[in-house]
């Protein structure tokens, strides 16, 4: 697990662009630092999200946020080698010989699929059962990005609310024209916070989480197809070619490594 350079670089570049643009236009960065505006936007957005989603889902989204900043590089080699080893062993010693492998498997989806196969469930029924599980897990996982989608929708609105509240305070000091100009500038910082947080943080977070979830689903789909191939007694060489289509890297010869083990 490593830091996601794309996420950090994107945030830095966006902040750098806004900051330099503001300076070139004669502004000062300190003008953009308004704790009151930040409190209105962040507090209001969090509150609205908690109204829309159960607290359990909100906490799940916060826990899943690490996947935006930490990149877990997929390691298909390890999984594919195991799948081909299972296929090779099942073809040589029979499907029941894989029963001893179940205790070593940590991936719940692979373990459940292989256990059903060993128990004698035919390929058609196993596909229906595991695809149903995939659909159910996918529906649950999709709630996580929706939390940040919602935050991206609420934040600009609370930015406008913050600006209006600031303007109300300004209107009460119309007798001092110097304070009016300064107060209007401060009021609109809330709008910047709302629009900026939505388009730089919340909506991109939701998009990246969807990419991470899709990567996980592709691995599970590959796992299911491999287990079905093992049930049907597909030649390990043919299975290797099939699994290559799920891997983004150039085709590899995994079976040679498996045969040596």
Protein backbone atom coordinates (compact mmCIF):
# COMPACT_ATOMS: atom_id res chain seq x y z
CA UNK A 1 0.00 0.00 0.00
CA UNK A 2 1.54 3.28 -1.17
CA UNK A 3 0.54 6.93 -1.37
CA UNK A 4 -1.60 7.72 -4.39
CA UNK A 5 0.57 10.27 -6.20
CA UNK A 6 -2.24 11.24 -8.55
CA UNK A 7 -4.52 12.34 -5.70
CA UNK A 8 -1.91 14.39 -3.89
CA UNK A 9 -0.52 15.90 -7.10
CA UNK A 10 -4.00 16.84 -8.29
CA UNK A 11 -4.88 18.63 -5.05
CA UNK A 12 -1.55 20.47 -4.95
CA UNK A 13 -1.81 21.57 -8.60
CA UNK A 14 -5.39 22.80 -8.13
CA UNK A 15 -4.54 24.76 -4.97
CA UNK A 16 -1.40 26.14 -6.60
CA UNK A 17 -3.39 27.30 -9.63
CA UNK A 18 -6.05 29.02 -7.55
CA UNK A 19 -3.50 30.60 -5.23
CA UNK A 20 -1.21 31.90 -7.98
CA UNK A 21 -4.21 33.11 -9.98
CA UNK A 22 -5.43 35.05 -6.96
CA UNK A 23 -2.00 36.63 -6.39
CA UNK A 24 -1.59 37.59 -10.05
CA UNK A 25 -4.96 39.30 -9.86
CA UNK A 26 -3.73 41.43 -6.99
CA UNK A 27 -5.21 39.42 -4.15
CA UNK A 28 -3.64 37.93 -1.05
CA UNK A 29 -3.82 34.34 0.08
CA UNK A 30 -4.68 35.42 3.62
CA UNK A 31 -7.96 36.79 2.26
CA UNK A 32 -9.03 33.23 1.48
CA UNK A 33 -8.50 32.02 5.05
CA UNK A 34 -11.85 32.55 6.76
CA UNK A 35 -12.61 30.10 9.62
CA UNK A 36 -16.22 31.26 9.84
CA UNK A 37 -16.91 30.50 6.19
CA UNK A 38 -15.17 27.12 6.51
CA UNK A 39 -17.27 26.26 9.56
CA UNK A 40 -20.52 27.08 7.77
CA UNK A 41 -19.65 25.07 4.66
CA UNK A 42 -18.04 22.04 6.31
CA UNK A 43 -20.46 21.85 9.24
CA UNK A 44 -23.50 22.35 7.04
CA UNK A 45 -22.34 19.78 4.50
CA UNK A 46 -21.60 17.13 7.12
CA UNK A 47 -24.95 17.74 8.78
CA UNK A 48 -26.86 17.44 5.51
CA UNK A 49 -25.05 14.23 4.59
CA UNK A 50 -25.90 12.72 7.99
CA UNK A 51 -29.55 13.59 7.42
CA UNK A 52 -29.58 11.82 4.05
CA UNK A 53 -27.56 8.72 4.97
CA UNK A 54 -27.61 6.42 8.01
CA UNK A 55 -24.71 7.03 10.36
CA UNK A 56 -23.35 3.55 9.64
CA UNK A 57 -22.92 4.36 5.94
CA UNK A 58 -21.32 7.74 6.72
CA UNK A 59 -18.71 6.03 8.91
CA UNK A 60 -18.11 3.41 6.22
CA UNK A 61 -17.50 6.19 3.70
CA UNK A 62 -15.01 7.88 6.01
CA UNK A 63 -13.17 4.59 6.56
CA UNK A 64 -13.14 3.92 2.81
CA UNK A 65 -11.64 7.34 2.17
CA UNK A 66 -8.18 5.88 2.72
CA UNK A 67 -8.50 4.21 -0.70
CA UNK A 68 -8.46 7.67 -2.28
CA UNK A 69 -5.11 8.62 -0.76
CA UNK A 70 -3.51 5.17 -0.52
CA UNK A 71 -3.03 3.15 -3.66
CA UNK A 72 -3.33 -0.61 -3.35
CA UNK A 73 -1.74 -1.86 -6.53
CA UNK A 74 -3.60 -4.93 -7.80
CA UNK A 75 -1.42 -8.04 -7.81
CA UNK A 76 -3.05 -10.34 -10.35
CA UNK A 77 0.04 -12.53 -10.63
CA UNK A 78 -0.40 -13.93 -7.14
CA UNK A 79 -4.11 -14.66 -7.60
CA UNK A 80 -3.79 -16.01 -11.13
CA UNK A 81 -1.00 -18.37 -10.12
CA UNK A 82 -3.17 -19.75 -7.33
CA UNK A 83 -6.16 -20.18 -9.67
CA UNK A 84 -4.05 -21.99 -12.25
CA UNK A 85 -2.53 -24.18 -9.55
CA UNK A 86 -6.03 -25.14 -8.42
CA UNK A 87 -7.01 -25.91 -12.02
CA UNK A 88 -3.87 -27.98 -12.56
CA UNK A 89 -4.41 -29.92 -9.33
CA UNK A 90 -8.12 -30.49 -9.96
CA UNK A 91 -7.42 -31.80 -13.46
CA UNK A 92 -4.73 -34.14 -12.16
CA UNK A 93 -6.14 -35.32 -8.81
CA UNK A 94 -9.83 -34.45 -9.05
CA UNK A 95 -11.93 -31.57 -7.71
CA UNK A 96 -12.10 -33.00 -4.18
CA UNK A 97 -8.32 -32.64 -3.86
CA UNK A 98 -8.84 -28.87 -3.52
CA UNK A 99 -10.56 -29.34 -0.17
CA UNK A 100 -7.17 -29.16 1.56
CA UNK A 101 -6.56 -25.74 -0.01
CA UNK A 102 -9.63 -24.07 1.53
CA UNK A 103 -8.01 -23.44 4.90
CA UNK A 104 -5.21 -21.46 3.22
CA UNK A 105 -7.50 -19.15 1.22
CA UNK A 106 -8.06 -15.70 2.76
CA UNK A 107 -10.21 -14.18 0.00
CA UNK A 108 -13.85 -14.80 1.11
CA UNK A 109 -15.22 -14.71 -2.45
CA UNK A 110 -12.71 -17.25 -3.76
CA UNK A 111 -13.18 -19.44 -0.71
CA UNK A 112 -16.98 -19.47 -1.02
CA UNK A 113 -16.84 -20.17 -4.76
CA UNK A 114 -14.35 -23.00 -4.42
CA UNK A 115 -16.21 -24.49 -1.46
CA UNK A 116 -19.44 -24.67 -3.45
CA UNK A 117 -17.57 -26.24 -6.35
CA UNK A 118 -16.05 -28.90 -4.09
CA UNK A 119 -19.48 -29.57 -2.55
CA UNK A 120 -20.76 -30.55 -5.98
CA UNK A 121 -22.75 -27.49 -7.02
CA UNK A 122 -22.95 -27.45 -10.81
CA UNK A 123 -21.54 -24.58 -12.85
CA UNK A 124 -24.92 -23.05 -13.73
CA UNK A 125 -26.17 -22.90 -10.15
CA UNK A 126 -22.82 -21.70 -8.84
CA UNK A 127 -22.76 -18.87 -11.38
CA UNK A 128 -26.25 -17.74 -10.34
CA UNK A 129 -25.40 -17.86 -6.64
CA UNK A 130 -22.11 -15.99 -6.90
CA UNK A 131 -23.40 -13.42 -9.40
CA UNK A 132 -26.23 -12.70 -6.98
CA UNK A 133 -23.63 -12.16 -4.26
CA UNK A 134 -21.66 -9.88 -6.59
CA UNK A 135 -24.77 -7.82 -7.32
CA UNK A 136 -25.58 -7.52 -3.62
CA UNK A 137 -22.04 -6.48 -2.69
CA UNK A 138 -21.94 -4.06 -5.61
CA UNK A 139 -25.15 -2.42 -4.45
CA UNK A 140 -23.76 -2.01 -0.93
CA UNK A 141 -20.43 -0.69 -2.19
CA UNK A 142 -22.13 1.89 -4.42
CA UNK A 143 -23.52 3.64 -1.33
CA UNK A 144 -20.02 4.78 -0.39
CA UNK A 145 -19.37 7.02 -3.45
CA UNK A 146 -22.92 8.35 -3.18
CA UNK A 147 -22.05 9.85 0.22
CA UNK A 148 -19.39 12.03 -1.41
CA UNK A 149 -21.63 12.74 -4.40
CA UNK A 150 -24.18 14.12 -1.96
CA UNK A 151 -21.52 16.16 -0.17
CA UNK A 152 -20.48 17.59 -3.53
CA UNK A 153 -24.06 18.71 -4.09
CA UNK A 154 -24.60 20.20 -0.64
CA UNK A 155 -21.29 22.08 -0.29
CA UNK A 156 -21.93 24.79 -2.95
CA UNK A 157 -25.38 25.44 -1.49
CA UNK A 158 -23.94 25.99 1.97
CA UNK A 159 -21.32 28.20 0.37
CA UNK A 160 -24.13 30.41 -0.91
CA UNK A 161 -25.76 30.34 2.53
CA UNK A 162 -22.47 31.47 4.06
CA UNK A 163 -22.19 34.29 1.53
CA UNK A 164 -25.75 35.46 2.25
CA UNK A 165 -25.13 35.40 6.00
CA UNK A 166 -21.99 37.46 5.44
CA UNK A 167 -23.89 39.96 3.33
CA UNK A 168 -26.50 40.30 6.04
CA UNK A 169 -23.74 41.32 8.44
CA UNK A 170 -22.41 43.76 5.84
CA UNK A 171 -25.80 45.40 5.40
CA UNK A 172 -25.81 46.22 9.10
CA UNK A 173 -22.63 48.28 8.64
CA UNK A 174 -23.57 50.37 5.63
CA UNK A 175 -22.62 53.53 7.49
CA UNK A 176 -18.94 52.61 7.10
CA UNK A 177 -18.21 52.30 3.38
CA UNK A 178 -14.70 50.92 4.00
CA UNK A 179 -16.08 48.03 6.03
CA UNK A 180 -18.71 47.30 3.39
CA UNK A 181 -16.18 46.49 0.68
CA UNK A 182 -14.10 44.35 2.99
CA UNK A 183 -17.17 42.55 4.33
CA UNK A 184 -18.47 41.68 0.85
CA UNK A 185 -15.09 40.18 -0.08
CA UNK A 186 -15.10 38.04 3.06
CA UNK A 187 -18.69 36.95 2.49
CA UNK A 188 -17.94 35.49 -0.93
CA UNK A 189 -15.10 33.37 0.44
CA UNK A 190 -17.80 30.97 1.68
CA UNK A 191 -18.91 30.46 -1.93
CA UNK A 192 -15.32 29.65 -2.89
CA UNK A 193 -15.12 27.10 -0.09
CA UNK A 194 -18.38 25.47 -1.13
CA UNK A 195 -17.67 25.24 -4.86
CA UNK A 196 -13.99 24.45 -4.33
CA UNK A 197 -14.54 21.62 -1.85
CA UNK A 198 -17.22 20.08 -4.06
CA UNK A 199 -15.15 20.10 -7.25
CA UNK A 200 -11.70 19.49 -5.79
CA UNK A 201 -12.51 17.04 -2.98
CA UNK A 202 -15.97 15.46 -2.71
CA UNK A 203 -16.82 14.75 -6.36
CA UNK A 204 -13.29 13.55 -7.31
CA UNK A 205 -13.27 11.34 -4.20
CA UNK A 206 -16.51 9.73 -5.32
CA UNK A 207 -15.12 9.14 -8.80
CA UNK A 208 -11.91 7.56 -7.57
CA UNK A 209 -13.76 5.29 -5.15
CA UNK A 210 -15.90 4.04 -8.04
CA UNK A 211 -12.72 3.17 -9.93
CA UNK A 212 -11.37 1.27 -6.90
CA UNK A 213 -14.64 -0.63 -6.51
CA UNK A 214 -14.69 -1.54 -10.18
CA UNK A 215 -11.16 -2.93 -9.93
CA UNK A 216 -12.32 -5.11 -7.05
CA UNK A 217 -15.33 -6.32 -9.05
CA UNK A 218 -13.14 -7.24 -12.04
CA UNK A 219 -10.94 -9.40 -9.80
CA UNK A 220 -14.03 -11.15 -8.39
CA UNK A 221 -15.42 -11.73 -11.89
CA UNK A 222 -12.10 -13.22 -12.93
CA UNK A 223 -12.14 -15.45 -9.86
CA UNK A 224 -15.64 -16.69 -10.61
CA UNK A 225 -14.82 -17.50 -14.24
CA UNK A 226 -11.73 -19.42 -13.12
CA UNK A 227 -13.69 -21.51 -10.61
CA UNK A 228 -16.35 -22.28 -13.23
CA UNK A 229 -13.61 -23.33 -15.63
CA UNK A 230 -12.17 -25.64 -12.96
CA UNK A 231 -15.61 -27.26 -12.50
CA UNK A 232 -15.95 -27.81 -16.24
CA UNK A 233 -12.45 -29.30 -16.44
CA UNK A 234 -11.06 -26.65 -18.79
CA UNK A 235 -7.46 -27.20 -19.77
CA UNK A 236 -5.21 -25.03 -17.55
CA UNK A 237 -3.50 -23.67 -20.68
CA UNK A 238 -6.85 -22.47 -22.03
CA UNK A 239 -7.71 -21.02 -18.61
CA UNK A 240 -4.43 -19.11 -18.63
CA UNK A 241 -5.38 -17.45 -21.91
CA UNK A 242 -8.81 -16.61 -20.52
CA UNK A 243 -7.39 -15.02 -17.37
CA UNK A 244 -4.98 -12.93 -19.44
CA UNK A 245 -7.98 -10.99 -20.77
CA UNK A 246 -8.73 -9.73 -17.23
CA UNK A 247 -5.21 -8.44 -16.62
CA UNK A 248 -4.15 -5.00 -17.85
CA UNK A 249 -0.49 -6.03 -18.07
CA UNK A 250 0.87 -7.81 -21.19
CA UNK A 251 0.00 -11.53 -21.39
CA UNK A 252 2.21 -13.69 -19.22
CA UNK A 253 3.05 -17.36 -18.94
CA UNK A 254 1.92 -18.10 -15.42
CA UNK A 255 1.35 -21.80 -15.98
CA UNK A 256 5.05 -22.48 -16.41
CA UNK A 257 5.64 -21.18 -12.88
CA UNK A 258 2.73 -23.21 -11.54
CA UNK A 259 3.92 -26.44 -13.15
CA UNK A 260 7.33 -26.03 -11.57
CA UNK A 261 5.89 -25.70 -8.03
